[in-house]
C-alpha atoms as a PDB file:
ATOM      1  CA  MET A   1     116.698 138.187 133.605  1.00  0.00           C
ATOM      2  CA  PRO A   2     115.173 136.367 130.449  1.00  0.00           C
ATOM      3  CA  PRO A   3     118.160 134.468 127.815  1.00  0.00           C
ATOM      4  CA  ALA A   4     116.533 136.631 125.519  1.00  0.00           C
ATOM      5  CA  ALA A   5     117.118 139.933 127.169  1.00  0.00           C
ATOM      6  CA  ALA A   6     120.348 138.570 128.643  1.00  0.00           C
ATOM      7  CA  HIS A   7     122.517 137.801 125.133  1.00  0.00           C
ATOM      8  CA  PRO A   8     122.593 141.050 124.421  1.00  0.00           C
ATOM      9  CA  ARG A   9     123.452 142.572 126.201  1.00  0.00           C
ATOM     10  CA  HIS A  10     126.265 140.174 127.187  1.00  0.00           C
ATOM     11  CA  ALA A  11     127.273 140.446 124.076  1.00  0.00           C
ATOM     12  CA  LEU A  12     127.522 144.204 124.115  1.00  0.00           C
ATOM     13  CA  ARG A  13     129.603 143.912 127.514  1.00  0.00           C
ATOM     14  CA  LEU A  14     131.912 141.760 125.631  1.00  0.00           C
ATOM     15  CA  ALA A  15     132.792 143.712 122.977  1.00  0.00           C
ATOM     16  CA  LEU A  16     132.732 146.712 125.429  1.00  0.00           C
ATOM     17  CA  SER A  17     135.521 144.834 126.805  1.00  0.00           C
ATOM     18  CA  VAL A  18     137.198 144.143 123.276  1.00  0.00           C
ATOM     19  CA  ALA A  19     137.592 147.519 122.806  1.00  0.00           C
ATOM     20  CA  GLY A  20     138.658 148.564 126.323  1.00  0.00           C
ATOM     21  CA  ALA A  21     141.204 146.068 125.887  1.00  0.00           C
ATOM     22  CA  TYR A  22     142.443 146.824 122.499  1.00  0.00           C
ATOM     23  CA  LEU A  23     142.745 150.725 123.386  1.00  0.00           C
ATOM     24  CA  ALA A  24     144.277 150.324 126.611  1.00  0.00           C
ATOM     25  CA  PHE A  25     146.861 148.194 124.718  1.00  0.00           C
ATOM     26  CA  GLY A  26     147.680 150.478 121.613  1.00  0.00           C
ATOM     27  CA  ALA A  27     148.018 153.727 124.168  1.00  0.00           C
ATOM     28  CA  ALA A  28     150.144 151.383 126.386  1.00  0.00           C
ATOM     29  CA  TRP A  29     152.710 150.098 123.027  1.00  0.00           C
ATOM     30  CA  ILE A  30     152.499 153.744 121.565  1.00  0.00           C
ATOM     31  CA  LEU A  31     154.406 155.112 124.827  1.00  0.00           C
ATOM     32  CA  LEU A  32     155.932 152.856 125.906  1.00  0.00           C
ATOM     33  CA  SER A  33     157.537 152.110 122.721  1.00  0.00           C
ATOM     34  CA  ASP A  34     158.308 155.445 121.810  1.00  0.00           C
ATOM     35  CA  ALA A  35     159.237 155.901 125.371  1.00  0.00           C
ATOM     36  CA  ALA A  36     162.142 153.289 125.428  1.00  0.00           C
ATOM     37  CA  ALA A  37     163.172 153.981 121.935  1.00  0.00           C
ATOM     38  CA  GLN A  38     164.055 157.763 122.692  1.00  0.00           C
ATOM     39  CA  ALA A  39     165.599 155.997 125.998  1.00  0.00           C
ATOM     40  CA  LEU A  40     168.488 154.036 123.602  1.00  0.00           C
ATOM     41  CA  SER A  41     169.293 156.877 120.884  1.00  0.00           C
ATOM     42  CA  GLN A  42     168.056 160.118 119.612  1.00  0.00           C
ATOM     43  CA  ASN A  43     169.981 159.959 116.494  1.00  0.00           C
ATOM     44  CA  PRO A  44     166.842 161.296 113.606  1.00  0.00           C
ATOM     45  CA  ALA A  45     167.309 158.090 111.436  1.00  0.00           C
ATOM     46  CA  TRP A  46     167.517 155.466 114.079  1.00  0.00           C
ATOM     47  CA  LEU A  47     164.425 157.096 115.555  1.00  0.00           C
ATOM     48  CA  ALA A  48     162.212 157.021 112.109  1.00  0.00           C
ATOM     49  CA  ALA A  49     163.274 153.580 111.498  1.00  0.00           C
ATOM     50  CA  VAL A  50     162.269 152.344 114.872  1.00  0.00           C
ATOM     51  CA  GLN A  51     158.615 154.268 114.332  1.00  0.00           C
ATOM     52  CA  ARG A  52     158.257 152.272 110.863  1.00  0.00           C
ATOM     53  CA  GLY A  53     159.463 149.101 112.776  1.00  0.00           C
ATOM     54  CA  LYS A  54     157.166 149.365 115.394  1.00  0.00           C
ATOM     55  CA  GLY A  55     154.876 150.367 113.615  1.00  0.00           C
ATOM     56  CA  LEU A  56     154.239 147.255 111.525  1.00  0.00           C
ATOM     57  CA  ALA A  57     154.832 145.311 114.945  1.00  0.00           C
ATOM     58  CA  PHE A  58     151.905 146.934 116.435  1.00  0.00           C
ATOM     59  CA  VAL A  59     149.602 146.273 112.948  1.00  0.00           C
ATOM     60  CA  THR A  60     150.777 142.495 112.700  1.00  0.00           C
ATOM     61  CA  LEU A  61     150.453 141.864 116.027  1.00  0.00           C
ATOM     62  CA  THR A  62     146.628 143.606 116.589  1.00  0.00           C
ATOM     63  CA  ALA A  63     145.905 141.221 112.867  1.00  0.00           C
ATOM     64  CA  LEU A  64     147.206 137.940 114.947  1.00  0.00           C
ATOM     65  CA  LEU A  65     144.750 139.022 117.684  1.00  0.00           C
ATOM     66  CA  LEU A  66     141.876 139.919 115.919  1.00  0.00           C
ATOM     67  CA  LEU A  67     142.364 136.393 114.073  1.00  0.00           C
ATOM     68  CA  ALA A  68     142.673 134.794 117.563  1.00  0.00           C
ATOM     69  CA  LEU A  69     139.324 136.517 118.443  1.00  0.00           C
ATOM     70  CA  VAL A  70     137.603 135.741 115.472  1.00  0.00           C
ATOM     71  CA  HIS A  71     138.718 132.265 115.175  1.00  0.00           C
ATOM     72  CA  ARG A  72     137.298 131.311 118.953  1.00  0.00           C
ATOM     73  CA  GLY A  73     133.986 133.510 118.384  1.00  0.00           C
ATOM     74  CA  SER A  74     133.612 131.210 115.090  1.00  0.00           C
ATOM     75  CA  GLN A  75     134.434 128.197 116.890  1.00  0.00           C
ATOM     76  CA  ARG A  76     131.705 128.716 119.942  1.00  0.00           C
ATOM     77  CA  MET A  77     129.507 129.772 117.505  1.00  0.00           C
ATOM     78  CA  LEU A  78     130.156 126.657 115.248  1.00  0.00           C
ATOM     79  CA  GLN A  79     129.824 124.603 118.522  1.00  0.00           C
ATOM     80  CA  ALA A  80     126.480 126.345 119.663  1.00  0.00           C
ATOM     81  CA  GLU A  81     124.819 125.206 116.246  1.00  0.00           C
ATOM     82  CA  GLN A  82     126.415 121.517 116.245  1.00  0.00           C
ATOM     83  CA  ARG A  83     124.360 121.929 119.335  1.00  0.00           C
ATOM     84  CA  GLN A  84     121.543 122.689 118.246  1.00  0.00           C
ATOM     85  CA  THR A  85     121.851 121.027 115.600  1.00  0.00           C
ATOM     86  CA  GLN A  86     122.129 118.188 118.005  1.00  0.00           C
ATOM     87  CA  GLN A  87     119.654 118.723 120.416  1.00  0.00           C
ATOM     88  CA  PHE A  88     116.870 119.347 117.196  1.00  0.00           C
ATOM     89  CA  ARG A  89     117.613 115.738 115.833  1.00  0.00           C
ATOM     90  CA  GLU A  90     117.496 114.072 119.157  1.00  0.00           C
ATOM     91  CA  LEU A  91     114.100 115.825 120.062  1.00  0.00           C
ATOM     92  CA  HIS A  92     112.685 115.068 116.822  1.00  0.00           C
ATOM     93  CA  GLN A  93     114.146 111.862 116.641  1.00  0.00           C
ATOM     94  CA  SER A  94     112.568 111.084 119.691  1.00  0.00           C
ATOM     95  CA  LEU A  95     108.568 112.283 118.683  1.00  0.00           C
ATOM     96  CA  ALA A  96     106.362 109.941 117.951  1.00  0.00           C
ATOM     97  CA  GLU A  97     104.422 112.542 115.794  1.00  0.00           C
ATOM     98  CA  VAL A  98     105.838 113.091 112.070  1.00  0.00           C
ATOM     99  CA  LEU A  99     107.073 116.692 111.748  1.00  0.00           C
ATOM    100  CA  TRP A 100     107.146 117.740 107.531  1.00  0.00           C
ATOM    101  CA  MET A 101     108.001 120.746 106.229  1.00  0.00           C
ATOM    102  CA  VAL A 102     107.345 121.090 102.087  1.00  0.00           C
ATOM    103  CA  SER A 103     107.832 123.803 100.011  1.00  0.00           C
ATOM    104  CA  PRO A 104     104.731 125.968  98.806  1.00  0.00           C
ATOM    105  CA  ASP A 105     103.862 124.153  95.800  1.00  0.00           C
ATOM    106  CA  GLY A 106     104.621 120.377  97.882  1.00  0.00           C
ATOM    107  CA  ARG A 107     107.135 119.662  95.023  1.00  0.00           C
ATOM    108  CA  HIS A 108     109.659 119.731  97.423  1.00  0.00           C
ATOM    109  CA  VAL A 109     110.423 118.151 101.016  1.00  0.00           C
ATOM    110  CA  ARG A 110     112.340 120.630 103.431  1.00  0.00           C
ATOM    111  CA  TYR A 111     112.493 117.953 106.113  1.00  0.00           C
ATOM    112  CA  VAL A 112     110.696 115.181 107.211  1.00  0.00           C
ATOM    113  CA  SER A 113     110.979 113.334 111.327  1.00  0.00           C
ATOM    114  CA  PRO A 114     112.425 110.182 111.311  1.00  0.00           C
ATOM    115  CA  ALA A 115     109.324 108.977 112.720  1.00  0.00           C
ATOM    116  CA  PHE A 116     107.562 109.121 109.025  1.00  0.00           C
ATOM    117  CA  GLU A 117     108.855 105.494 108.686  1.00  0.00           C
ATOM    118  CA  ALA A 118     107.321 104.074 112.029  1.00  0.00           C
ATOM    119  CA  VAL A 119     103.939 105.379 111.128  1.00  0.00           C
ATOM    120  CA  TYR A 120     103.381 105.083 107.382  1.00  0.00           C
ATOM    121  CA  GLY A 121     105.822 101.700 106.837  1.00  0.00           C
ATOM    122  CA  VAL A 122     107.923 103.602 104.327  1.00  0.00           C
ATOM    123  CA  PRO A 123     111.277 104.908 104.317  1.00  0.00           C
ATOM    124  CA  VAL A 124     112.122 108.602 104.769  1.00  0.00           C
ATOM    125  CA  ALA A 125     114.008 108.175 101.455  1.00  0.00           C
ATOM    126  CA  ASP A 126     110.766 107.406  99.315  1.00  0.00           C
ATOM    127  CA  PHE A 127     109.068 110.609 100.639  1.00  0.00           C
ATOM    128  CA  LEU A 128     111.937 112.977  99.786  1.00  0.00           C
ATOM    129  CA  ALA A 129     111.959 111.320  96.671  1.00  0.00           C
ATOM    130  CA  ASP A 130     108.008 111.408  95.843  1.00  0.00           C
ATOM    131  CA  PRO A 131     106.558 114.295  98.108  1.00  0.00           C
ATOM    132  CA  SER A 132     103.120 112.720  96.972  1.00  0.00           C
ATOM    133  CA  LEU A 133     103.883 109.555  98.394  1.00  0.00           C
ATOM    134  CA  TRP A 134     102.030 110.180 101.054  1.00  0.00           C
ATOM    135  CA  LEU A 135      98.246 110.553  99.187  1.00  0.00           C
ATOM    136  CA  ARG A 136      98.982 107.648  97.685  1.00  0.00           C
ATOM    137  CA  LEU A 137      99.057 105.621 101.048  1.00  0.00           C
ATOM    138  CA  VAL A 138      95.514 107.049 102.269  1.00  0.00           C
ATOM    139  CA  HIS A 139      92.859 104.576 102.387  1.00  0.00           C
ATOM    140  CA  PRO A 140      90.861 104.959  98.862  1.00  0.00           C
ATOM    141  CA  ASP A 141      87.540 105.109 101.402  1.00  0.00           C
ATOM    142  CA  ASP A 142      89.089 108.670 102.582  1.00  0.00           C
ATOM    143  CA  ARG A 143      91.239 110.362  99.529  1.00  0.00           C
ATOM    144  CA  ALA A 144      88.762 112.484  98.810  1.00  0.00           C
ATOM    145  CA  ALA A 145      88.216 114.176 102.281  1.00  0.00           C
ATOM    146  CA  ALA A 146      92.556 114.408 102.419  1.00  0.00           C
ATOM    147  CA  GLN A 147      92.906 116.121  98.966  1.00  0.00           C
ATOM    148  CA  ALA A 148      89.737 118.029  99.939  1.00  0.00           C
ATOM    149  CA  SER A 149      92.094 119.564 103.305  1.00  0.00           C
ATOM    150  CA  SER A 150      95.103 120.303 101.346  1.00  0.00           C
ATOM    151  CA  ALA A 151      92.949 122.358  99.115  1.00  0.00           C
ATOM    152  CA  ALA A 152      91.035 123.870 102.235  1.00  0.00           C
ATOM    153  CA  LEU A 153      94.439 125.228 103.618  1.00  0.00           C
ATOM    154  CA  ARG A 154      94.653 127.358 100.501  1.00  0.00           C
ATOM    155  CA  THR A 155      92.143 129.612 101.713  1.00  0.00           C
ATOM    156  CA  GLN A 156      91.601 129.257 105.587  1.00  0.00           C
ATOM    157  CA  GLY A 157      95.636 128.977 106.014  1.00  0.00           C
ATOM    158  CA  SER A 158      95.496 125.539 108.482  1.00  0.00           C
ATOM    159  CA  ILE A 159      93.536 123.323 108.193  1.00  0.00           C
ATOM    160  CA  ASP A 160      93.428 119.553 110.590  1.00  0.00           C
ATOM    161  CA  CYS A 161      92.055 116.706 109.138  1.00  0.00           C
ATOM    162  CA  GLN A 162      91.282 113.092 110.154  1.00  0.00           C
ATOM    163  CA  TYR A 163      91.695 109.998 107.876  1.00  0.00           C
ATOM    164  CA  ARG A 164      92.932 106.180 107.031  1.00  0.00           C
ATOM    165  CA  ILE A 165      96.161 105.511 105.782  1.00  0.00           C
ATOM    166  CA  ARG A 166      97.020 101.104 104.783  1.00  0.00           C
ATOM    167  CA  ARG A 167     100.536 101.019 104.770  1.00  0.00           C
ATOM    168  CA  PRO A 168     102.491  98.348 102.502  1.00  0.00           C
ATOM    169  CA  ASP A 169     102.059  95.825 105.581  1.00  0.00           C
ATOM    170  CA  GLY A 170      98.247  95.803 105.364  1.00  0.00           C
ATOM    171  CA  ALA A 171      97.862  97.706 108.258  1.00  0.00           C
ATOM    172  CA  VAL A 172      95.563 100.172 108.326  1.00  0.00           C
ATOM    173  CA  ARG A 173      96.041 103.281 110.235  1.00  0.00           C
ATOM    174  CA  TRP A 174      93.783 106.182 111.686  1.00  0.00           C
ATOM    175  CA  LEU A 175      95.740 109.620 111.062  1.00  0.00           C
ATOM    176  CA  SER A 176      95.198 113.571 112.512  1.00  0.00           C
ATOM    177  CA  ASP A 177      96.844 115.337 110.069  1.00  0.00           C
ATOM    178  CA  ARG A 178      97.465 119.171 111.395  1.00  0.00           C
ATOM    179  CA  LYS A 179      99.073 121.519 108.908  1.00  0.00           C
ATOM    180  CA  LYS A 180      99.002 125.407 108.369  1.00  0.00           C
ATOM    181  CA  LEU A 181     101.236 127.419 105.762  1.00  0.00           C
ATOM    182  CA  VAL A 182     104.059 129.198 107.023  1.00  0.00           C
ATOM    183  CA  HIS A 183     104.861 133.338 105.857  1.00  0.00           C
ATOM    184  CA  ASP A 184     107.394 135.892 105.972  1.00  0.00           C
ATOM    185  CA  ALA A 185     107.960 139.035 107.093  1.00  0.00           C
ATOM    186  CA  GLN A 186     106.559 140.181 103.806  1.00  0.00           C
ATOM    187  CA  GLY A 187     103.236 137.615 103.972  1.00  0.00           C
ATOM    188  CA  ARG A 188     104.708 135.148 101.162  1.00  0.00           C
ATOM    189  CA  VAL A 189     103.899 131.593 101.919  1.00  0.00           C
ATOM    190  CA  VAL A 190     107.083 130.940 102.219  1.00  0.00           C
ATOM    191  CA  MET A 191     106.766 126.547 102.977  1.00  0.00           C
ATOM    192  CA  ILE A 192     104.016 124.545 104.313  1.00  0.00           C
ATOM    193  CA  ALA A 193     104.750 122.430 107.624  1.00  0.00           C
ATOM    194  CA  GLY A 194     102.245 120.120 109.167  1.00  0.00           C
ATOM    195  CA  ILE A 195     102.375 117.577 112.107  1.00  0.00           C
ATOM    196  CA  ALA A 196     101.332 113.884 111.471  1.00  0.00           C
ATOM    197  CA  GLU A 197      99.645 111.960 114.404  1.00  0.00           C
ATOM    198  CA  ASP A 198      98.770 107.975 114.455  1.00  0.00           C
ATOM    199  CA  ILE A 199      95.340 108.636 116.666  1.00  0.00           C
ATOM    200  CA  THR A 200      94.415 104.881 115.912  1.00  0.00           C
ATOM    201  CA  GLU A 201      94.275 103.633 119.578  1.00  0.00           C
ATOM    202  CA  ARG A 202      92.376 106.801 120.429  1.00  0.00           C
ATOM    203  CA  ARG A 203      90.184 105.683 117.243  1.00  0.00           C
ATOM    204  CA  VAL A 204      89.405 102.549 118.183  1.00  0.00           C
ATOM    205  CA  ASP A 205      88.654 103.895 122.039  1.00  0.00           C
ATOM    206  CA  GLN A 206      85.949 106.672 120.856  1.00  0.00           C
ATOM    207  CA  ASP A 207      84.347 103.723 118.542  1.00  0.00           C
ATOM    208  CA  MET A 208      84.270 101.319 121.544  1.00  0.00           C
ATOM    209  CA  LEU A 209      82.789 103.627 123.640  1.00  0.00           C
ATOM    210  CA  ARG A 210      80.096 104.922 121.181  1.00  0.00           C
ATOM    211  CA  ARG A 211      78.936 101.091 120.748  1.00  0.00           C
ATOM    212  CA  ASN A 212      78.824 100.722 124.428  1.00  0.00           C
ATOM    213  CA  ALA A 213      76.276 103.495 124.642  1.00  0.00           C
ATOM    214  CA  GLN A 214      74.462 102.779 121.684  1.00  0.00           C
ATOM    215  CA  GLU A 215      74.311  98.929 122.699  1.00  0.00           C
ATOM    216  CA  LEU A 216      73.245 100.372 126.865  1.00  0.00           C
ATOM    217  CA  ALA A 217      71.060 102.613 124.639  1.00  0.00           C
ATOM    218  CA  ASP A 218      69.184  99.547 122.791  1.00  0.00           C
ATOM    219  CA  ARG A 219      69.251  97.578 125.962  1.00  0.00           C
ATOM    220  CA  TYR A 220      67.128 100.581 128.257  1.00  0.00           C
ATOM    221  CA  ALA A 221      64.659 100.895 125.371  1.00  0.00           C
ATOM    222  CA  GLU A 222      64.505  96.423 124.945  1.00  0.00           C
ATOM    223  CA  LEU A 223      63.727  96.952 128.847  1.00  0.00           C
ATOM    224  CA  ALA A 224      61.053  99.781 128.286  1.00  0.00           C
ATOM    225  CA  ARG A 225      59.338  97.895 126.023  1.00  0.00           C
ATOM    226  CA  PHE A 226      58.880  94.511 128.298  1.00  0.00           C
ATOM    227  CA  ASN A 227      58.066  96.965 130.819  1.00  0.00           C
ATOM    228  CA  ARG A 228      55.247  98.376 129.831  1.00  0.00           C
ATOM    229  CA  ALA A 229      54.135  94.904 128.353  1.00  0.00           C
ATOM    230  CA  ALA A 230      54.724  93.533 132.057  1.00  0.00           C
ATOM    231  CA  VAL A 231      52.023  96.141 132.553  1.00  0.00           C
ATOM    232  CA  ASP A 232      49.827  96.462 130.360  1.00  0.00           C
ATOM    233  CA  ARG A 233      49.401  92.282 130.656  1.00  0.00           C
ATOM    234  CA  GLU A 234      49.395  93.028 134.521  1.00  0.00           C
ATOM    235  CA  LEU A 235      46.607  95.659 133.580  1.00  0.00           C
ATOM    236  CA  ASP A 236      44.610  93.099 131.216  1.00  0.00           C
ATOM    237  CA  MET A 237      44.808  90.341 134.561  1.00  0.00           C
ATOM    238  CA  ILE A 238      43.711  92.492 137.126  1.00  0.00           C
ATOM    239  CA  ALA A 239      40.532  93.660 134.425  1.00  0.00           C
ATOM    240  CA  LEU A 240      39.804  90.287 133.490  1.00  0.00           C
ATOM    241  CA  LYS A 241      39.907  89.746 137.938  1.00  0.00           C
ATOM    242  CA  ARG A 242      37.086  92.602 138.192  1.00  0.00           C
ATOM    243  CA  GLU A 243      35.112  90.937 135.261  1.00  0.00           C
ATOM    244  CA  ILE A 244      35.278  87.269 137.001  1.00  0.00           C
ATOM    245  CA  ASN A 245      34.080  88.551 140.607  1.00  0.00           C
ATOM    246  CA  GLY A 246      31.404  90.933 139.040  1.00  0.00           C
ATOM    247  CA  LEU A 247      29.910  88.245 137.821  1.00  0.00           C
ATOM    248  CA  ALA A 248      30.905  86.084 141.195  1.00  0.00           C
ATOM    249  CA  ARG A 249      28.812  89.110 143.190  1.00  0.00           C
ATOM    250  CA  ALA A 250      25.535  89.056 140.686  1.00  0.00           C
ATOM    251  CA  GLN A 251      25.433  85.175 141.188  1.00  0.00           C
ATOM    252  CA  LYS A 252      25.702  85.479 144.894  1.00  0.00           C
ATOM    253  CA  GLN A 253      28.682  84.122 145.010  1.00  0.00           C
ATOM    254  CA  PRO A 254      32.077  85.622 146.536  1.00  0.00           C
ATOM    255  CA  PRO A 255      34.736  87.267 144.795  1.00  0.00           C
ATOM    256  CA  ARG A 256      37.293  84.441 143.247  1.00  0.00           C
ATOM    257  CA  TYR A 257      40.062  86.919 142.866  1.00  0.00           C
ATOM    258  CA  PRO A 258      41.168  89.426 145.277  1.00  0.00           C
ATOM    259  CA  VAL A 259      42.661  92.896 143.790  1.00  0.00           C
ATOM    260  CA  ASP A 260      43.416  94.145 147.184  1.00  0.00           C
ATOM    261  CA  PHE A 261      46.622  96.094 145.145  1.00  0.00           C
ATOM    262  CA  ALA A 262      44.270  97.976 142.686  1.00  0.00           C
ATOM    263  CA  ASP A 263      41.837  98.555 145.109  1.00  0.00           C
ATOM    264  CA  LEU A 264      44.466 100.711 147.303  1.00  0.00           C
ATOM    265  CA  ALA A 265      45.514 101.856 143.586  1.00  0.00           C
ATOM    266  CA  GLY A 266      42.869 103.535 143.844  1.00  0.00           C
ATOM    267  CA  GLY A 267      41.819 102.405 140.450  1.00  0.00           C
ATOM    268  CA  ALA A 268      44.846 105.068 139.148  1.00  0.00           C
ATOM    269  CA  ALA A 269      45.435 101.439 136.946  1.00  0.00           C
ATOM    270  CA  THR A 270      43.037 102.246 133.891  1.00  0.00           C
ATOM    271  CA  PRO A 271      42.206  98.752 131.863  1.00  0.00           C
ATOM    272  CA  ARG A 272      42.865  98.878 128.009  1.00  0.00           C
ATOM    273  CA  THR A 273      39.646  96.592 127.937  1.00  0.00           C
ATOM    274  CA  ALA A 274      36.364  97.778 129.426  1.00  0.00           C
ATOM    275  CA  ALA A 275      35.206  95.549 132.681  1.00  0.00           C
ATOM    276  CA  MET A 276      32.835  95.778 135.333  1.00  0.00           C
ATOM    277  CA  PRO A 277      33.883  97.275 138.305  1.00  0.00           C
ATOM    278  CA  ALA A 278      34.940  95.060 141.201  1.00  0.00           C
END
């Protein structure tokens, strides 16, 4: 059974157990105490005093039991909440991404994970004191794009933007900034939440791949130009040899140059200059 479904059933069983125990205890108290009082004496005045006394004792004992139950339940709830808080804190401390939440107007920081200092190079306390600090850290060349993404968030509901930041130590890092509007049940914006991730290494790898691809394309184009030039020179030489061979034949002399390759090719290579057939 899923935990979400098991929890309500467990709570119901616990409530029924407490109610059953209280009912059994109350019935046993009334019946047994009445029988004990009547066995001790039949004096009406004494019985009336006993009834009042056992009634007060029952109320006092019930109050003490309820106090113990409520105190134990509160302690267990507090311990569970502390465990969840500790797990939440440990989880966010272990994440390399910056998780942040601000008020709908962006003027108050509600939460920022400890990774902020590692990514931005600025103490978390500085961002808590000045929520606009993140924008001042954005690289001047990318600041307009970062501002535009924040403006688009109001109309789109969520946005993903990549830009550079310049840390106080001078290092430039690429960030992926994903943020969205968080609404309540009535559809009102209650906060803005986002995740900022350092993607510098990824961008470096992508830039290297692009440069390698461009370099490969340039070399291929250069090789293609060289091949075309070599083929053109070879065709020119074949055409020149054919002219010389033609002149030799006209003078009753044997051909000076073998052009068997061109002949075997069936004249497929057409010289760029006019030439006499071999």
